[in-house]
N, C-alpha and C. Protein backbone atom coordinates (compact mmCIF):
# COMPACT_ATOMS: atom_id res chain seq x y z
N MET A 1 111.69 74.22 104.03
CA MET A 1 110.28 73.88 104.11
C MET A 1 109.86 73.78 105.58
N SER A 2 108.76 74.39 105.90
CA SER A 2 108.23 74.39 107.26
C SER A 2 107.58 73.04 107.58
N LYS A 3 107.55 72.73 108.87
CA LYS A 3 106.80 71.55 109.31
C LYS A 3 105.31 71.92 109.24
N ILE A 4 104.48 70.94 108.96
CA ILE A 4 103.05 71.18 108.83
C ILE A 4 102.31 70.28 109.81
N ARG A 5 101.40 70.88 110.55
CA ARG A 5 100.54 70.12 111.46
C ARG A 5 99.10 70.47 111.11
N ILE A 6 98.30 69.46 110.87
CA ILE A 6 96.88 69.67 110.56
C ILE A 6 96.07 69.18 111.75
N LEU A 7 95.26 70.06 112.30
CA LEU A 7 94.46 69.70 113.47
C LEU A 7 93.39 68.67 113.08
N PRO A 8 93.00 67.79 114.01
CA PRO A 8 92.03 66.73 113.71
C PRO A 8 90.70 67.25 113.14
N LYS A 9 90.26 68.41 113.62
CA LYS A 9 89.02 69.00 113.12
C LYS A 9 89.11 69.30 111.62
N ALA A 10 90.27 69.80 111.19
CA ALA A 10 90.48 70.10 109.78
C ALA A 10 90.57 68.83 108.94
N ILE A 11 91.19 67.79 109.49
CA ILE A 11 91.29 66.51 108.78
C ILE A 11 89.90 65.92 108.56
N LYS A 12 89.05 66.01 109.56
CA LYS A 12 87.69 65.49 109.46
C LYS A 12 86.93 66.15 108.31
N VAL A 13 87.04 67.47 108.22
CA VAL A 13 86.37 68.21 107.14
C VAL A 13 86.96 67.80 105.80
N LEU A 14 88.27 67.70 105.73
CA LEU A 14 88.95 67.34 104.48
C LEU A 14 88.49 65.97 103.98
N GLU A 15 88.32 65.02 104.88
CA GLU A 15 87.92 63.67 104.49
C GLU A 15 86.52 63.62 103.90
N ARG A 16 85.66 64.57 104.25
CA ARG A 16 84.28 64.58 103.75
C ARG A 16 84.14 65.24 102.38
N LEU A 17 85.18 65.89 101.91
CA LEU A 17 85.11 66.62 100.64
C LEU A 17 85.32 65.67 99.46
N PRO A 18 84.87 66.09 98.27
CA PRO A 18 85.13 65.29 97.07
C PRO A 18 86.63 65.14 96.81
N ARG A 19 87.01 64.03 96.19
CA ARG A 19 88.43 63.72 95.96
C ARG A 19 89.17 64.84 95.23
N SER A 20 88.55 65.43 94.22
CA SER A 20 89.23 66.48 93.45
C SER A 20 89.53 67.69 94.33
N THR A 21 88.60 68.04 95.19
CA THR A 21 88.80 69.17 96.11
C THR A 21 89.86 68.81 97.15
N GLN A 22 89.85 67.57 97.62
CA GLN A 22 90.86 67.11 98.58
C GLN A 22 92.26 67.27 97.99
N ARG A 23 92.42 66.85 96.75
CA ARG A 23 93.74 66.93 96.11
C ARG A 23 94.21 68.37 96.01
N ARG A 24 93.30 69.28 95.63
CA ARG A 24 93.66 70.70 95.50
C ARG A 24 94.04 71.29 96.85
N ILE A 25 93.31 70.93 97.89
CA ILE A 25 93.61 71.46 99.22
C ILE A 25 94.93 70.93 99.74
N VAL A 26 95.18 69.64 99.57
CA VAL A 26 96.45 69.05 100.02
C VAL A 26 97.63 69.67 99.27
N ALA A 27 97.47 69.89 97.98
CA ALA A 27 98.53 70.53 97.20
C ALA A 27 98.80 71.95 97.71
N THR A 28 97.74 72.66 98.06
CA THR A 28 97.89 74.02 98.58
C THR A 28 98.55 74.01 99.95
N ILE A 29 98.22 73.03 100.79
CA ILE A 29 98.87 72.92 102.10
C ILE A 29 100.37 72.68 101.92
N ASP A 30 100.74 71.87 100.94
CA ASP A 30 102.16 71.66 100.64
C ASP A 30 102.84 72.97 100.23
N LEU A 31 102.14 73.77 99.43
CA LEU A 31 102.69 75.06 99.01
C LEU A 31 102.83 76.00 100.20
N ILE A 32 101.88 75.95 101.12
CA ILE A 32 101.96 76.78 102.33
C ILE A 32 103.20 76.39 103.13
N GLY A 33 103.51 75.11 103.17
CA GLY A 33 104.70 74.66 103.88
C GLY A 33 105.98 75.20 103.27
N LYS A 34 106.00 75.38 101.96
CA LYS A 34 107.18 75.89 101.27
C LYS A 34 107.30 77.41 101.37
N ALA A 35 106.16 78.10 101.24
CA ALA A 35 106.13 79.57 101.27
C ALA A 35 104.86 80.01 101.98
N PRO A 36 104.89 80.10 103.32
CA PRO A 36 103.67 80.34 104.09
C PRO A 36 102.91 81.62 103.74
N PHE A 37 103.60 82.66 103.31
CA PHE A 37 102.92 83.93 103.10
C PHE A 37 102.57 84.23 101.65
N GLU A 38 102.97 83.36 100.74
CA GLU A 38 102.66 83.58 99.33
C GLU A 38 101.16 83.37 99.10
N LYS A 39 100.50 84.37 98.59
CA LYS A 39 99.06 84.37 98.30
C LYS A 39 98.20 84.22 99.55
N ALA A 40 98.79 84.34 100.73
CA ALA A 40 98.02 84.24 101.97
C ALA A 40 97.63 85.64 102.42
N LYS A 41 96.47 85.72 103.04
CA LYS A 41 96.01 87.01 103.57
C LYS A 41 95.87 86.91 105.07
N LYS A 42 96.25 87.98 105.75
CA LYS A 42 96.15 88.04 107.20
C LYS A 42 94.69 88.16 107.59
N LEU A 43 94.29 87.42 108.62
CA LEU A 43 92.92 87.52 109.13
C LEU A 43 92.82 88.76 110.00
N THR A 44 91.67 89.44 109.94
CA THR A 44 91.52 90.68 110.68
C THR A 44 90.90 90.47 112.06
N ASN A 45 89.99 89.53 112.21
CA ASN A 45 89.27 89.37 113.47
C ASN A 45 89.80 88.23 114.34
N GLN A 46 90.85 87.57 113.90
CA GLN A 46 91.44 86.48 114.68
C GLN A 46 92.88 86.29 114.23
N PRO A 47 93.71 85.65 115.04
CA PRO A 47 95.11 85.47 114.63
C PRO A 47 95.23 84.47 113.48
N GLY A 48 96.20 84.67 112.64
CA GLY A 48 96.47 83.71 111.57
C GLY A 48 96.28 84.27 110.18
N TYR A 49 96.29 83.36 109.24
CA TYR A 49 96.22 83.70 107.82
C TYR A 49 95.22 82.78 107.14
N ARG A 50 94.84 83.16 105.92
CA ARG A 50 93.94 82.32 105.14
C ARG A 50 94.49 82.16 103.74
N ARG A 51 94.13 81.04 103.14
CA ARG A 51 94.50 80.77 101.76
C ARG A 51 93.27 80.23 101.06
N ARG A 52 93.00 80.71 99.88
CA ARG A 52 91.80 80.36 99.13
C ARG A 52 92.07 79.18 98.21
N VAL A 53 91.12 78.23 98.20
CA VAL A 53 91.15 77.10 97.26
C VAL A 53 89.72 76.94 96.76
N GLY A 54 89.41 77.58 95.65
CA GLY A 54 88.05 77.55 95.12
C GLY A 54 87.09 78.16 96.12
N ASP A 55 86.05 77.43 96.49
CA ASP A 55 85.06 77.90 97.46
C ASP A 55 85.47 77.59 98.90
N TYR A 56 86.64 77.01 99.10
CA TYR A 56 87.08 76.63 100.44
C TYR A 56 88.22 77.52 100.90
N ARG A 57 88.37 77.62 102.22
CA ARG A 57 89.43 78.41 102.82
C ARG A 57 90.24 77.53 103.77
N ILE A 58 91.54 77.72 103.72
CA ILE A 58 92.44 77.05 104.65
C ILE A 58 92.88 78.14 105.63
N LEU A 59 92.54 77.98 106.89
CA LEU A 59 92.93 78.94 107.92
C LEU A 59 94.10 78.34 108.68
N PHE A 60 95.20 79.08 108.76
CA PHE A 60 96.40 78.54 109.39
C PHE A 60 97.13 79.60 110.19
N ILE A 61 97.97 79.11 111.09
CA ILE A 61 98.82 79.96 111.91
C ILE A 61 100.26 79.54 111.63
N TYR A 62 101.13 80.52 111.50
CA TYR A 62 102.55 80.23 111.25
C TYR A 62 103.37 80.67 112.46
N ASN A 63 104.17 79.77 113.01
CA ASN A 63 105.05 80.07 114.12
C ASN A 63 106.47 80.15 113.59
N ARG A 64 107.01 81.36 113.57
CA ARG A 64 108.36 81.57 113.01
C ARG A 64 109.44 80.88 113.84
N LYS A 65 109.32 80.92 115.15
CA LYS A 65 110.36 80.33 116.01
C LYS A 65 110.51 78.83 115.76
N LEU A 66 109.38 78.15 115.63
CA LEU A 66 109.41 76.70 115.42
C LEU A 66 109.41 76.32 113.94
N ASP A 67 109.23 77.31 113.07
CA ASP A 67 109.08 77.09 111.63
C ASP A 67 107.98 76.04 111.40
N LEU A 68 106.81 76.32 111.97
CA LEU A 68 105.70 75.38 111.98
C LEU A 68 104.43 76.04 111.44
N VAL A 69 103.77 75.36 110.53
CA VAL A 69 102.47 75.79 110.01
C VAL A 69 101.42 74.89 110.64
N VAL A 70 100.45 75.49 111.32
CA VAL A 70 99.36 74.74 111.94
C VAL A 70 98.09 75.06 111.17
N VAL A 71 97.56 74.07 110.47
CA VAL A 71 96.29 74.24 109.74
C VAL A 71 95.18 74.04 110.76
N ALA A 72 94.51 75.14 111.10
CA ALA A 72 93.50 75.12 112.15
C ALA A 72 92.13 74.73 111.62
N ARG A 73 91.78 75.22 110.43
CA ARG A 73 90.45 74.93 109.87
C ARG A 73 90.51 74.83 108.36
N ILE A 74 89.63 74.01 107.84
CA ILE A 74 89.34 73.96 106.41
C ILE A 74 87.83 74.07 106.35
N ALA A 75 87.34 75.08 105.65
CA ALA A 75 85.89 75.30 105.66
C ALA A 75 85.44 75.96 104.36
N HIS A 76 84.17 75.77 104.05
CA HIS A 76 83.55 76.46 102.92
C HIS A 76 83.57 77.95 103.24
N ARG A 77 83.67 78.76 102.23
CA ARG A 77 83.85 80.20 102.46
C ARG A 77 82.71 80.82 103.25
N LYS A 78 81.50 80.28 103.14
CA LYS A 78 80.37 80.86 103.88
C LYS A 78 80.48 80.58 105.38
N ASP A 79 81.20 79.53 105.77
CA ASP A 79 81.33 79.15 107.18
C ASP A 79 82.73 79.39 107.75
N ALA A 80 83.67 79.77 106.93
CA ALA A 80 85.07 79.78 107.35
C ALA A 80 85.37 80.71 108.51
N TYR A 81 84.70 81.84 108.59
CA TYR A 81 85.09 82.84 109.59
C TYR A 81 84.14 82.87 110.80
N ARG A 82 83.19 81.97 110.83
CA ARG A 82 82.31 81.84 111.98
C ARG A 82 82.98 80.99 113.03
N LYS A 83 82.64 81.25 114.28
CA LYS A 83 83.27 80.46 115.35
C LYS A 83 82.40 79.36 115.81
């Protein structure tokens, strides 16, 4: 299982979501830690990968050398790919 680091910006967004959505996202982050590339899609316009959870997206970067998953953003799908 990979180490998981969630950036403060992503935690802030997660805390504002409804409890049911929070649970689904946290469960998905745990799955990403176990198998980072399962059901994940590579981002085309920026480095990293994305994972879908309903209307929300988890954007993360995986570092093979450190075996580390960094969750960079959690966002609604309409805002997920904007900078």
